[in-house]
């Protein structure tokens, strides 16, 4: 006896749900130790889900309802970084600026052409 059409539909929906969930979680995979070493200590805490230290100099904002962090990236090839889907703002030589979500920081750390990612500090007047 063959399963009914509704049983096949339920199975198809379950399989599709698992595939969508798996693909959505792909960007949240833990970084390797080599990739974590590319991040400043404050950004390491952020990508691990920890709160930044109190009085942190992390410059944040929001984009599409998500927190973005102002960062400076040391890169060997800005074009390759952009082609990897990392939205860079300005580039001068091997230094690039960006405002990235936690997921984008993780993605940037996985790009071979990115050597370092640091938080962008606040500019303060000299006293």
PDB file of N, CA and C in Angstrom:
ATOM      1  N   UNK A   1       0.830  -1.169   0.000  1.00  0.00           N
ATOM      2  CA  UNK A   1       0.000   0.000   0.000  1.00  0.00           C
ATOM      3  C   UNK A   1       0.883   1.245   0.000  1.00  0.00           C
ATOM      4  N   UNK A   2       0.608   2.174  -0.869  1.00  0.00           N
ATOM      5  CA  UNK A   2       1.379   3.399  -0.993  1.00  0.00           C
ATOM      6  C   UNK A   2       0.864   4.468  -0.027  1.00  0.00           C
ATOM      7  N   UNK A   3       1.782   5.334   0.467  1.00  0.00           N
ATOM      8  CA  UNK A   3       1.328   6.424   1.344  1.00  0.00           C
ATOM      9  C   UNK A   3       0.438   7.395   0.569  1.00  0.00           C
ATOM     10  N   UNK A   4      -0.428   8.057   1.284  1.00  0.00           N
ATOM     11  CA  UNK A   4      -1.345   9.005   0.647  1.00  0.00           C
ATOM     12  C   UNK A   4      -0.586  10.249   0.186  1.00  0.00           C
ATOM     13  N   UNK A   5      -1.237  11.033  -0.672  1.00  0.00           N
ATOM     14  CA  UNK A   5      -0.640  12.266  -1.180  1.00  0.00           C
ATOM     15  C   UNK A   5      -0.345  13.231  -0.039  1.00  0.00           C
ATOM     16  N   UNK A   6      -1.194  13.277   0.974  1.00  0.00           N
ATOM     17  CA  UNK A   6      -0.948  14.198   2.086  1.00  0.00           C
ATOM     18  C   UNK A   6       0.284  13.777   2.888  1.00  0.00           C
ATOM     19  N   UNK A   7       0.531  12.467   2.990  1.00  0.00           N
ATOM     20  CA  UNK A   7       1.728  12.003   3.686  1.00  0.00           C
ATOM     21  C   UNK A   7       2.982  12.428   2.927  1.00  0.00           C
ATOM     22  N   UNK A   8       2.948  12.330   1.596  1.00  0.00           N
ATOM     23  CA  UNK A   8       4.082  12.769   0.770  1.00  0.00           C
ATOM     24  C   UNK A   8       4.275  14.286   0.913  1.00  0.00           C
ATOM     25  N   UNK A   9       3.198  15.026   0.970  1.00  0.00           N
ATOM     26  CA  UNK A   9       3.279  16.472   1.116  1.00  0.00           C
ATOM     27  C   UNK A   9       3.920  16.834   2.448  1.00  0.00           C
ATOM     28  N   UNK A  10       3.519  16.179   3.510  1.00  0.00           N
ATOM     29  CA  UNK A  10       4.079  16.444   4.831  1.00  0.00           C
ATOM     30  C   UNK A  10       5.571  16.129   4.845  1.00  0.00           C
ATOM     31  N   UNK A  11       5.966  15.010   4.245  1.00  0.00           N
ATOM     32  CA  UNK A  11       7.384  14.641   4.180  1.00  0.00           C
ATOM     33  C   UNK A  11       8.177  15.675   3.392  1.00  0.00           C
ATOM     34  N   UNK A  12       7.619  16.118   2.271  1.00  0.00           N
ATOM     35  CA  UNK A  12       8.298  17.115   1.442  1.00  0.00           C
ATOM     36  C   UNK A  12       8.478  18.425   2.199  1.00  0.00           C
ATOM     37  N   UNK A  13       7.453  18.848   2.939  1.00  0.00           N
ATOM     38  CA  UNK A  13       7.539  20.087   3.717  1.00  0.00           C
ATOM     39  C   UNK A  13       8.599  19.952   4.809  1.00  0.00           C
ATOM     40  N   UNK A  14       8.643  18.814   5.480  1.00  0.00           N
ATOM     41  CA  UNK A  14       9.643  18.606   6.521  1.00  0.00           C
ATOM     42  C   UNK A  14      11.060  18.638   5.965  1.00  0.00           C
ATOM     43  N   UNK A  15      11.288  17.971   4.861  1.00  0.00           N
ATOM     44  CA  UNK A  15      12.615  17.954   4.243  1.00  0.00           C
ATOM     45  C   UNK A  15      13.005  19.358   3.799  1.00  0.00           C
ATOM     46  N   UNK A  16      12.091  20.062   3.178  1.00  0.00           N
ATOM     47  CA  UNK A  16      12.361  21.420   2.726  1.00  0.00           C
ATOM     48  C   UNK A  16      12.672  22.333   3.911  1.00  0.00           C
ATOM     49  N   UNK A  17      11.940  22.196   5.000  1.00  0.00           N
ATOM     50  CA  UNK A  17      12.184  22.996   6.205  1.00  0.00           C
ATOM     51  C   UNK A  17      13.573  22.739   6.762  1.00  0.00           C
ATOM     52  N   UNK A  18      13.992  21.474   6.787  1.00  0.00           N
ATOM     53  CA  UNK A  18      15.326  21.148   7.287  1.00  0.00           C
ATOM     54  C   UNK A  18      16.408  21.743   6.396  1.00  0.00           C
ATOM     55  N   UNK A  19      16.212  21.690   5.089  1.00  0.00           N
ATOM     56  CA  UNK A  19      17.196  22.255   4.175  1.00  0.00           C
ATOM     57  C   UNK A  19      17.311  23.768   4.331  1.00  0.00           C
ATOM     58  N   UNK A  20      16.187  24.444   4.466  1.00  0.00           N
ATOM     59  CA  UNK A  20      16.196  25.897   4.640  1.00  0.00           C
ATOM     60  C   UNK A  20      16.878  26.259   5.951  1.00  0.00           C
ATOM     61  N   UNK A  21      16.571  25.543   7.019  1.00  0.00           N
ATOM     62  CA  UNK A  21      17.186  25.805   8.316  1.00  0.00           C
ATOM     63  C   UNK A  21      18.684  25.582   8.250  1.00  0.00           C
ATOM     64  N   UNK A  22      19.118  24.517   7.615  1.00  0.00           N
ATOM     65  CA  UNK A  22      20.545  24.218   7.508  1.00  0.00           C
ATOM     66  C   UNK A  22      21.279  25.293   6.723  1.00  0.00           C
ATOM     67  N   UNK A  23      20.682  25.775   5.630  1.00  0.00           N
ATOM     68  CA  UNK A  23      21.359  26.792   4.830  1.00  0.00           C
ATOM     69  C   UNK A  23      21.381  28.127   5.551  1.00  0.00           C
ATOM     70  N   UNK A  24      20.364  28.437   6.324  1.00  0.00           N
ATOM     71  CA  UNK A  24      20.322  29.696   7.067  1.00  0.00           C
ATOM     72  C   UNK A  24      21.351  29.705   8.189  1.00  0.00           C
ATOM     73  N   UNK A  25      21.648  28.569   8.745  1.00  0.00           N
ATOM     74  CA  UNK A  25      22.603  28.482   9.844  1.00  0.00           C
ATOM     75  C   UNK A  25      24.040  28.403   9.355  1.00  0.00           C
ATOM     76  N   UNK A  26      24.251  28.256   8.076  1.00  0.00           N
ATOM     77  CA  UNK A  26      25.597  28.096   7.545  1.00  0.00           C
ATOM     78  C   UNK A  26      26.527  29.221   7.895  1.00  0.00           C
ATOM     79  N   UNK A  27      26.062  30.496   7.860  1.00  0.00           N
ATOM     80  CA  UNK A  27      26.904  31.622   8.156  1.00  0.00           C
ATOM     81  C   UNK A  27      27.267  31.726   9.624  1.00  0.00           C
ATOM     82  N   UNK A  28      26.528  31.042  10.487  1.00  0.00           N
ATOM     83  CA  UNK A  28      26.766  31.134  11.917  1.00  0.00           C
ATOM     84  C   UNK A  28      27.736  30.075  12.409  1.00  0.00           C
ATOM     85  N   UNK A  29      28.290  29.282  11.513  1.00  0.00           N
ATOM     86  CA  UNK A  29      29.246  28.266  11.915  1.00  0.00           C
ATOM     87  C   UNK A  29      30.418  28.932  12.606  1.00  0.00           C
ATOM     88  N   UNK A  30      30.984  28.240  13.570  1.00  0.00           N
ATOM     89  CA  UNK A  30      32.118  28.787  14.309  1.00  0.00           C
ATOM     90  C   UNK A  30      33.297  29.017  13.375  1.00  0.00           C
ATOM     91  N   UNK A  31      34.034  30.060  13.669  1.00  0.00           N
ATOM     92  CA  UNK A  31      35.237  30.347  12.901  1.00  0.00           C
ATOM     93  C   UNK A  31      36.369  29.447  13.377  1.00  0.00           C
ATOM     94  N   UNK A  32      37.279  29.155  12.476  1.00  0.00           N
ATOM     95  CA  UNK A  32      38.471  28.394  12.858  1.00  0.00           C
ATOM     96  C   UNK A  32      39.360  29.292  13.716  1.00  0.00           C
ATOM     97  N   UNK A  33      40.339  28.716  14.379  1.00  0.00           N
ATOM     98  CA  UNK A  33      41.234  29.528  15.216  1.00  0.00           C
ATOM     99  C   UNK A  33      42.014  30.526  14.353  1.00  0.00           C
ATOM    100  N   UNK A  34      42.369  30.131  13.145  1.00  0.00           N
ATOM    101  CA  UNK A  34      43.073  31.044  12.230  1.00  0.00           C
ATOM    102  C   UNK A  34      42.180  32.226  11.854  1.00  0.00           C
ATOM    103  N   UNK A  35      40.898  31.955  11.605  1.00  0.00           N
ATOM    104  CA  UNK A  35      39.953  33.023  11.269  1.00  0.00           C
ATOM    105  C   UNK A  35      39.694  33.923  12.480  1.00  0.00           C
ATOM    106  N   UNK A  36      39.575  33.335  13.679  1.00  0.00           N
ATOM    107  CA  UNK A  36      39.375  34.134  14.892  1.00  0.00           C
ATOM    108  C   UNK A  36      40.573  35.040  15.151  1.00  0.00           C
ATOM    109  N   UNK A  37      41.776  34.572  14.825  1.00  0.00           N
ATOM    110  CA  UNK A  37      42.978  35.377  15.036  1.00  0.00           C
ATOM    111  C   UNK A  37      42.986  36.637  14.177  1.00  0.00           C
ATOM    112  N   UNK A  38      42.186  36.666  13.121  1.00  0.00           N
ATOM    113  CA  UNK A  38      42.089  37.862  12.281  1.00  0.00           C
ATOM    114  C   UNK A  38      41.307  38.979  12.976  1.00  0.00           C
ATOM    115  N   UNK A  39      40.532  38.638  14.006  1.00  0.00           N
ATOM    116  CA  UNK A  39      39.648  39.595  14.670  1.00  0.00           C
ATOM    117  C   UNK A  39      40.303  40.184  15.912  1.00  0.00           C
ATOM    118  N   UNK A  40      40.011  41.463  16.163  1.00  0.00           N
ATOM    119  CA  UNK A  40      40.453  42.088  17.408  1.00  0.00           C
ATOM    120  C   UNK A  40      39.738  41.394  18.568  1.00  0.00           C
ATOM    121  N   UNK A  41      40.265  41.515  19.787  1.00  0.00           N
ATOM    122  CA  UNK A  41      39.607  40.873  20.941  1.00  0.00           C
ATOM    123  C   UNK A  41      38.146  41.281  21.104  1.00  0.00           C
ATOM    124  N   UNK A  42      37.832  42.558  20.907  1.00  0.00           N
ATOM    125  CA  UNK A  42      36.435  43.001  21.054  1.00  0.00           C
ATOM    126  C   UNK A  42      35.538  42.351  20.011  1.00  0.00           C
ATOM    127  N   UNK A  43      36.005  42.251  18.770  1.00  0.00           N
ATOM    128  CA  UNK A  43      35.195  41.614  17.721  1.00  0.00           C
ATOM    129  C   UNK A  43      35.104  40.109  17.926  1.00  0.00           C
ATOM    130  N   UNK A  44      36.133  39.496  18.506  1.00  0.00           N
ATOM    131  CA  UNK A  44      36.044  38.073  18.838  1.00  0.00           C
ATOM    132  C   UNK A  44      34.887  37.845  19.802  1.00  0.00           C
ATOM    133  N   UNK A  45      34.748  38.728  20.792  1.00  0.00           N
ATOM    134  CA  UNK A  45      33.645  38.591  21.753  1.00  0.00           C
ATOM    135  C   UNK A  45      32.304  38.759  21.057  1.00  0.00           C
ATOM    136  N   UNK A  46      32.223  39.709  20.132  1.00  0.00           N
ATOM    137  CA  UNK A  46      30.965  39.971  19.424  1.00  0.00           C
ATOM    138  C   UNK A  46      30.545  38.759  18.606  1.00  0.00           C
ATOM    139  N   UNK A  47      31.470  38.171  17.833  1.00  0.00           N
ATOM    140  CA  UNK A  47      31.082  37.042  16.975  1.00  0.00           C
ATOM    141  C   UNK A  47      30.805  35.781  17.787  1.00  0.00           C
ATOM    142  N   UNK A  48      31.313  35.716  19.006  1.00  0.00           N
ATOM    143  CA  UNK A  48      31.019  34.575  19.872  1.00  0.00           C
ATOM    144  C   UNK A  48      29.706  34.763  20.620  1.00  0.00           C
ATOM    145  N   UNK A  49      29.068  35.934  20.421  1.00  0.00           N
ATOM    146  CA  UNK A  49      27.783  36.171  21.054  1.00  0.00           C
ATOM    147  C   UNK A  49      27.887  36.821  22.417  1.00  0.00           C
ATOM    148  N   UNK A  50      29.095  37.164  22.838  1.00  0.00           N
ATOM    149  CA  UNK A  50      29.271  37.827  24.123  1.00  0.00           C
ATOM    150  C   UNK A  50      29.032  39.324  23.955  1.00  0.00           C
ATOM    151  N   UNK A  51      28.690  39.958  25.042  1.00  0.00           N
ATOM    152  CA  UNK A  51      28.520  41.407  25.030  1.00  0.00           C
ATOM    153  C   UNK A  51      29.902  42.051  24.965  1.00  0.00           C
ATOM    154  N   UNK A  52      30.019  43.162  24.219  1.00  0.00           N
ATOM    155  CA  UNK A  52      31.296  43.872  24.236  1.00  0.00           C
ATOM    156  C   UNK A  52      31.580  44.382  25.649  1.00  0.00           C
ATOM    157  N   UNK A  53      32.859  44.616  25.955  1.00  0.00           N
ATOM    158  CA  UNK A  53      33.184  45.098  27.290  1.00  0.00           C
ATOM    159  C   UNK A  53      32.516  46.444  27.582  1.00  0.00           C
ATOM    160  N   UNK A  54      32.228  46.727  28.854  1.00  0.00           N
ATOM    161  CA  UNK A  54      31.636  48.022  29.194  1.00  0.00           C
ATOM    162  C   UNK A  54      32.554  49.151  28.742  1.00  0.00           C
ATOM    163  N   UNK A  55      31.954  50.263  28.415  1.00  0.00           N
ATOM    164  CA  UNK A  55      32.682  51.426  27.929  1.00  0.00           C
ATOM    165  C   UNK A  55      33.466  51.115  26.663  1.00  0.00           C
ATOM    166  N   UNK A  56      32.991  50.148  25.920  1.00  0.00           N
ATOM    167  CA  UNK A  56      33.652  49.747  24.691  1.00  0.00           C
ATOM    168  C   UNK A  56      33.618  50.881  23.679  1.00  0.00           C
ATOM    169  N   UNK A  57      34.645  50.939  22.878  1.00  0.00           N
ATOM    170  CA  UNK A  57      34.710  51.945  21.815  1.00  0.00           C
ATOM    171  C   UNK A  57      34.096  51.431  20.520  1.00  0.00           C
ATOM    172  N   UNK A  58      33.345  50.328  20.576  1.00  0.00           N
ATOM    173  CA  UNK A  58      32.716  49.818  19.359  1.00  0.00           C
ATOM    174  C   UNK A  58      31.701  50.836  18.851  1.00  0.00           C
ATOM    175  N   UNK A  59      31.853  51.215  17.602  1.00  0.00           N
ATOM    176  CA  UNK A  59      30.917  52.136  16.970  1.00  0.00           C
ATOM    177  C   UNK A  59      29.866  51.288  16.274  1.00  0.00           C
ATOM    178  N   UNK A  60      28.616  51.458  16.677  1.00  0.00           N
ATOM    179  CA  UNK A  60      27.548  50.640  16.111  1.00  0.00           C
ATOM    180  C   UNK A  60      26.456  51.516  15.518  1.00  0.00           C
ATOM    181  N   UNK A  61      25.652  50.892  14.705  1.00  0.00           N
ATOM    182  CA  UNK A  61      24.475  51.505  14.122  1.00  0.00           C
ATOM    183  C   UNK A  61      23.513  50.392  13.775  1.00  0.00           C
ATOM    184  N   UNK A  62      22.493  50.694  13.010  1.00  0.00           N
ATOM    185  CA  UNK A  62      21.574  49.651  12.565  1.00  0.00           C
ATOM    186  C   UNK A  62      21.349  49.768  11.069  1.00  0.00           C
ATOM    187  N   UNK A  63      21.137  48.629  10.453  1.00  0.00           N
ATOM    188  CA  UNK A  63      20.784  48.553   9.038  1.00  0.00           C
ATOM    189  C   UNK A  63      19.810  47.394   8.892  1.00  0.00           C
ATOM    190  N   UNK A  64      18.643  47.690   8.357  1.00  0.00           N
ATOM    191  CA  UNK A  64      17.604  46.673   8.178  1.00  0.00           C
ATOM    192  C   UNK A  64      17.286  45.956   9.492  1.00  0.00           C
ATOM    193  N   UNK A  65      17.308  46.705  10.588  1.00  0.00           N
ATOM    194  CA  UNK A  65      16.969  46.133  11.884  1.00  0.00           C
ATOM    195  C   UNK A  65      18.080  45.336  12.545  1.00  0.00           C
ATOM    196  N   UNK A  66      19.259  45.268  11.932  1.00  0.00           N
ATOM    197  CA  UNK A  66      20.380  44.523  12.507  1.00  0.00           C
ATOM    198  C   UNK A  66      21.468  45.493  12.938  1.00  0.00           C
ATOM    199  N   UNK A  67      22.164  45.147  14.012  1.00  0.00           N
ATOM    200  CA  UNK A  67      23.282  45.964  14.467  1.00  0.00           C
ATOM    201  C   UNK A  67      24.442  45.817  13.498  1.00  0.00           C
ATOM    202  N   UNK A  68      25.038  46.941  13.137  1.00  0.00           N
ATOM    203  CA  UNK A  68      26.245  46.931  12.320  1.00  0.00           C
ATOM    204  C   UNK A  68      27.371  47.575  13.115  1.00  0.00           C
ATOM    205  N   UNK A  69      28.578  47.104  12.875  1.00  0.00           N
ATOM    206  CA  UNK A  69      29.764  47.574  13.577  1.00  0.00           C
ATOM    207  C   UNK A  69      30.689  48.255  12.579  1.00  0.00           C
ATOM    208  N   UNK A  70      31.196  49.425  12.959  1.00  0.00           N
ATOM    209  CA  UNK A  70      32.175  50.125  12.128  1.00  0.00           C
ATOM    210  C   UNK A  70      33.515  49.418  12.318  1.00  0.00           C
ATOM    211  N   UNK A  71      34.084  48.938  11.214  1.00  0.00           N
ATOM    212  CA  UNK A  71      35.329  48.176  11.285  1.00  0.00           C
ATOM    213  C   UNK A  71      36.340  48.676  10.257  1.00  0.00           C
ATOM    214  N   UNK A  72      37.592  48.340  10.531  1.00  0.00           N
ATOM    215  CA  UNK A  72      38.691  48.574   9.608  1.00  0.00           C
ATOM    216  C   UNK A  72      39.241  47.210   9.236  1.00  0.00           C
ATOM    217  N   UNK A  73      39.392  46.972   7.951  1.00  0.00           N
ATOM    218  CA  UNK A  73      39.920  45.699   7.468  1.00  0.00           C
ATOM    219  C   UNK A  73      41.280  45.926   6.812  1.00  0.00           C
ATOM    220  N   UNK A  74      42.207  45.037   7.070  1.00  0.00           N
ATOM    221  CA  UNK A  74      43.496  45.013   6.364  1.00  0.00           C
ATOM    222  C   UNK A  74      43.352  43.938   5.296  1.00  0.00           C
ATOM    223  N   UNK A  75      43.462  44.352   4.028  1.00  0.00           N
ATOM    224  CA  UNK A  75      43.187  43.436   2.921  1.00  0.00           C
ATOM    225  C   UNK A  75      44.332  43.437   1.920  1.00  0.00           C
ATOM    226  N   UNK A  76      44.485  42.325   1.224  1.00  0.00           N
ATOM    227  CA  UNK A  76      45.487  42.262   0.156  1.00  0.00           C
ATOM    228  C   UNK A  76      44.859  42.547  -1.200  1.00  0.00           C
ATOM    229  N   UNK A  77      43.535  42.375  -1.319  1.00  0.00           N
ATOM    230  CA  UNK A  77      42.838  42.595  -2.592  1.00  0.00           C
ATOM    231  C   UNK A  77      41.392  42.989  -2.291  1.00  0.00           C
ATOM    232  N   UNK A  78      41.127  44.298  -2.312  1.00  0.00           N
ATOM    233  CA  UNK A  78      39.790  44.800  -1.981  1.00  0.00           C
ATOM    234  C   UNK A  78      38.737  44.283  -2.957  1.00  0.00           C
ATOM    235  N   UNK A  79      39.094  44.131  -4.225  1.00  0.00           N
ATOM    236  CA  UNK A  79      38.152  43.617  -5.211  1.00  0.00           C
ATOM    237  C   UNK A  79      37.692  42.210  -4.874  1.00  0.00           C
ATOM    238  N   UNK A  80      38.617  41.369  -4.437  1.00  0.00           N
ATOM    239  CA  UNK A  80      38.261  39.995  -4.063  1.00  0.00           C
ATOM    240  C   UNK A  80      37.360  39.990  -2.833  1.00  0.00           C
ATOM    241  N   UNK A  81      37.603  40.910  -1.916  1.00  0.00           N
ATOM    242  CA  UNK A  81      36.765  41.002  -0.709  1.00  0.00           C
ATOM    243  C   UNK A  81      35.350  41.423  -1.099  1.00  0.00           C
ATOM    244  N   UNK A  82      35.252  42.410  -1.975  1.00  0.00           N
ATOM    245  CA  UNK A  82      33.921  42.830  -2.450  1.00  0.00           C
ATOM    246  C   UNK A  82      33.237  41.701  -3.214  1.00  0.00           C
ATOM    247  N   UNK A  83      33.998  40.983  -4.042  1.00  0.00           N
ATOM    248  CA  UNK A  83      33.422  39.862  -4.800  1.00  0.00           C
ATOM    249  C   UNK A  83      32.933  38.747  -3.885  1.00  0.00           C
ATOM    250  N   UNK A  84      33.479  38.684  -2.678  1.00  0.00           N
ATOM    251  CA  UNK A  84      33.034  37.686  -1.702  1.00  0.00           C
ATOM    252  C   UNK A  84      31.764  38.142  -0.986  1.00  0.00           C
ATOM    253  N   UNK A  85      31.254  39.338  -1.354  1.00  0.00           N
ATOM    254  CA  UNK A  85      29.998  39.810  -0.787  1.00  0.00           C
ATOM    255  C   UNK A  85      30.146  40.709   0.431  1.00  0.00           C
ATOM    256  N   UNK A  86      31.349  41.156   0.712  1.00  0.00           N
ATOM    257  CA  UNK A  86      31.580  42.036   1.861  1.00  0.00           C
ATOM    258  C   UNK A  86      31.477  43.482   1.378  1.00  0.00           C
ATOM    259  N   UNK A  87      30.516  44.255   1.892  1.00  0.00           N
ATOM    260  CA  UNK A  87      30.324  45.635   1.437  1.00  0.00           C
ATOM    261  C   UNK A  87      31.344  46.588   2.074  1.00  0.00           C
ATOM    262  N   UNK A  88      32.330  46.986   1.299  1.00  0.00           N
ATOM    263  CA  UNK A  88      33.337  47.923   1.790  1.00  0.00           C
ATOM    264  C   UNK A  88      32.895  49.352   1.509  1.00  0.00           C
ATOM    265  N   UNK A  89      33.262  50.263   2.397  1.00  0.00           N
ATOM    266  CA  UNK A  89      32.969  51.679   2.180  1.00  0.00           C
ATOM    267  C   UNK A  89      34.102  52.320   1.395  1.00  0.00           C
ATOM    268  N   UNK A  90      35.193  52.622   2.058  1.00  0.00           N
ATOM    269  CA  UNK A  90      36.320  53.241   1.374  1.00  0.00           C
ATOM    270  C   UNK A  90      37.533  52.331   1.466  1.00  0.00           C
ATOM    271  N   UNK A  91      38.404  52.469   0.467  1.00  0.00           N
ATOM    272  CA  UNK A  91      39.619  51.662   0.416  1.00  0.00           C
ATOM    273  C   UNK A  91      40.780  52.591   0.088  1.00  0.00           C
ATOM    274  N   UNK A  92      41.842  52.485   0.874  1.00  0.00           N
ATOM    275  CA  UNK A  92      43.068  53.224   0.608  1.00  0.00           C
ATOM    276  C   UNK A  92      44.220  52.251   0.778  1.00  0.00           C
ATOM    277  N   UNK A  93      44.788  51.824  -0.341  1.00  0.00           N
ATOM    278  CA  UNK A  93      45.845  50.817  -0.281  1.00  0.00           C
ATOM    279  C   UNK A  93      45.310  49.513   0.269  1.00  0.00           C
ATOM    280  N   UNK A  94      45.902  49.055   1.368  1.00  0.00           N
ATOM    281  CA  UNK A  94      45.481  47.782   1.964  1.00  0.00           C
ATOM    282  C   UNK A  94      44.523  47.971   3.133  1.00  0.00           C
ATOM    283  N   UNK A  95      44.029  49.190   3.324  1.00  0.00           N
ATOM    284  CA  UNK A  95      43.115  49.475   4.427  1.00  0.00           C
ATOM    285  C   UNK A  95      41.730  49.792   3.872  1.00  0.00           C
ATOM    286  N   UNK A  96      40.727  49.124   4.418  1.00  0.00           N
ATOM    287  CA  UNK A  96      39.339  49.344   3.989  1.00  0.00           C
ATOM    288  C   UNK A  96      38.478  49.588   5.223  1.00  0.00           C
ATOM    289  N   UNK A  97      37.418  50.370   5.039  1.00  0.00           N
ATOM    290  CA  UNK A  97      36.449  50.577   6.113  1.00  0.00           C
ATOM    291  C   UNK A  97      35.131  49.946   5.698  1.00  0.00           C
ATOM    292  N   UNK A  98      34.348  49.565   6.699  1.00  0.00           N
ATOM    293  CA  UNK A  98      33.047  48.952   6.421  1.00  0.00           C
ATOM    294  C   UNK A  98      32.179  49.056   7.660  1.00  0.00           C
ATOM    295  N   UNK A  99      30.885  48.881   7.461  1.00  0.00           N
ATOM    296  CA  UNK A  99      29.913  48.735   8.555  1.00  0.00           C
ATOM    297  C   UNK A  99      29.272  47.369   8.335  1.00  0.00           C
ATOM    298  N   UNK A 100      29.619  46.423   9.203  1.00  0.00           N
ATOM    299  CA  UNK A 100      29.247  45.029   8.986  1.00  0.00           C
ATOM    300  C   UNK A 100      28.406  44.472  10.133  1.00  0.00           C
ATOM    301  N   UNK A 101      27.481  43.581   9.780  1.00  0.00           N
ATOM    302  CA  UNK A 101      26.744  42.815  10.778  1.00  0.00           C
ATOM    303  C   UNK A 101      27.660  41.730  11.333  1.00  0.00           C
ATOM    304  N   UNK A 102      27.234  41.079  12.388  1.00  0.00           N
ATOM    305  CA  UNK A 102      28.024  39.978  12.957  1.00  0.00           C
ATOM    306  C   UNK A 102      28.255  38.900  11.898  1.00  0.00           C
ATOM    307  N   UNK A 103      27.213  38.588  11.128  1.00  0.00           N
ATOM    308  CA  UNK A 103      27.350  37.562  10.090  1.00  0.00           C
ATOM    309  C   UNK A 103      28.373  37.983   9.042  1.00  0.00           C
ATOM    310  N   UNK A 104      28.359  39.265   8.659  1.00  0.00           N
ATOM    311  CA  UNK A 104      29.312  39.750   7.659  1.00  0.00           C
ATOM    312  C   UNK A 104      30.732  39.778   8.224  1.00  0.00           C
ATOM    313  N   UNK A 105      30.887  40.033   9.515  1.00  0.00           N
ATOM    314  CA  UNK A 105      32.220  39.978  10.126  1.00  0.00           C
ATOM    315  C   UNK A 105      32.750  38.557  10.040  1.00  0.00           C
ATOM    316  N   UNK A 106      31.893  37.580  10.359  1.00  0.00           N
ATOM    317  CA  UNK A 106      32.304  36.169  10.235  1.00  0.00           C
ATOM    318  C   UNK A 106      32.691  35.846   8.791  1.00  0.00           C
ATOM    319  N   UNK A 107      31.827  36.276   7.850  1.00  0.00           N
ATOM    320  CA  UNK A 107      32.105  36.006   6.439  1.00  0.00           C
ATOM    321  C   UNK A 107      33.424  36.642   6.007  1.00  0.00           C
ATOM    322  N   UNK A 108      33.671  37.873   6.448  1.00  0.00           N
ATOM    323  CA  UNK A 108      34.909  38.566   6.077  1.00  0.00           C
ATOM    324  C   UNK A 108      36.131  37.844   6.643  1.00  0.00           C
ATOM    325  N   UNK A 109      36.022  37.308   7.845  1.00  0.00           N
ATOM    326  CA  UNK A 109      37.140  36.581   8.449  1.00  0.00           C
ATOM    327  C   UNK A 109      37.481  35.320   7.663  1.00  0.00           C
ATOM    328  N   UNK A 110      36.524  34.794   6.932  1.00  0.00           N
ATOM    329  CA  UNK A 110      36.746  33.586   6.128  1.00  0.00           C
ATOM    330  C   UNK A 110      37.376  33.887   4.767  1.00  0.00           C
ATOM    331  N   UNK A 111      37.424  35.156   4.381  1.00  0.00           N
ATOM    332  CA  UNK A 111      37.975  35.533   3.073  1.00  0.00           C
ATOM    333  C   UNK A 111      39.504  35.540   3.171  1.00  0.00           C
ATOM    334  N   UNK A 112      40.198  34.777   2.327  1.00  0.00           N
ATOM    335  CA  UNK A 112      41.664  34.693   2.401  1.00  0.00           C
ATOM    336  C   UNK A 112      42.369  36.046   2.239  1.00  0.00           C
ATOM    337  N   UNK A 113      41.765  36.952   1.485  1.00  0.00           N
ATOM    338  CA  UNK A 113      42.395  38.257   1.239  1.00  0.00           C
ATOM    339  C   UNK A 113      42.258  39.231   2.411  1.00  0.00           C
ATOM    340  N   UNK A 114      41.549  38.838   3.455  1.00  0.00           N
ATOM    341  CA  UNK A 114      41.413  39.661   4.658  1.00  0.00           C
ATOM    342  C   UNK A 114      42.439  39.169   5.671  1.00  0.00           C
ATOM    343  N   UNK A 115      43.332  40.095   6.091  1.00  0.00           N
ATOM    344  CA  UNK A 115      44.366  39.731   7.058  1.00  0.00           C
ATOM    345  C   UNK A 115      43.963  40.080   8.487  1.00  0.00           C
ATOM    346  N   UNK A 116      43.158  41.142   8.664  1.00  0.00           N
ATOM    347  CA  UNK A 116      42.824  41.612  10.009  1.00  0.00           C
ATOM    348  C   UNK A 116      41.527  42.405   9.963  1.00  0.00           C
ATOM    349  N   UNK A 117      40.714  42.291  11.016  1.00  0.00           N
ATOM    350  CA  UNK A 117      39.496  43.090  11.160  1.00  0.00           C
ATOM    351  C   UNK A 117      39.508  43.660  12.569  1.00  0.00           C
ATOM    352  N   UNK A 118      39.445  44.981  12.654  1.00  0.00           N
ATOM    353  CA  UNK A 118      39.476  45.670  13.939  1.00  0.00           C
ATOM    354  C   UNK A 118      38.298  46.618  14.026  1.00  0.00           C
ATOM    355  N   UNK A 119      37.876  46.913  15.249  1.00  0.00           N
ATOM    356  CA  UNK A 119      36.830  47.907  15.428  1.00  0.00           C
ATOM    357  C   UNK A 119      37.405  49.276  15.094  1.00  0.00           C
ATOM    358  N   UNK A 120      36.552  50.101  14.538  1.00  0.00           N
ATOM    359  CA  UNK A 120      36.931  51.474  14.237  1.00  0.00           C
ATOM    360  C   UNK A 120      36.703  52.294  15.494  1.00  0.00           C
ATOM    361  N   UNK A 121      37.709  53.001  15.934  1.00  0.00           N
ATOM    362  CA  UNK A 121      37.589  53.787  17.149  1.00  0.00           C
ATOM    363  C   UNK A 121      36.856  55.089  16.935  1.00  0.00           C
ATOM    364  N   UNK A 122      36.349  55.619  17.999  1.00  0.00           N
ATOM    365  CA  UNK A 122      35.685  56.929  17.947  1.00  0.00           C
ATOM    366  C   UNK A 122      36.746  58.008  17.865  1.00  0.00           C
ATOM    367  N   UNK A 123      36.426  59.034  17.104  1.00  0.00           N
ATOM    368  CA  UNK A 123      37.316  60.181  17.006  1.00  0.00           C
ATOM    369  C   UNK A 123      36.972  61.129  18.143  1.00  0.00           C
ATOM    370  N   UNK A 124      37.984  61.497  18.910  1.00  0.00           N
ATOM    371  CA  UNK A 124      37.780  62.393  20.035  1.00  0.00           C
ATOM    372  C   UNK A 124      38.686  63.602  19.872  1.00  0.00           C
ATOM    373  N   UNK A 125      38.205  64.764  20.275  1.00  0.00           N
ATOM    374  CA  UNK A 125      39.064  65.947  20.193  1.00  0.00           C
ATOM    375  C   UNK A 125      40.239  65.822  21.148  1.00  0.00           C
ATOM    376  N   UNK A 126      41.353  66.375  20.745  1.00  0.00           N
ATOM    377  CA  UNK A 126      42.531  66.362  21.617  1.00  0.00           C
ATOM    378  C   UNK A 126      42.326  67.420  22.696  1.00  0.00           C
ATOM    379  N   UNK A 127      42.771  67.120  23.904  1.00  0.00           N
ATOM    380  CA  UNK A 127      42.578  68.099  24.985  1.00  0.00           C
ATOM    381  C   UNK A 127      43.810  68.911  25.235  1.00  0.00           C
TER     382      UNK A 127
END
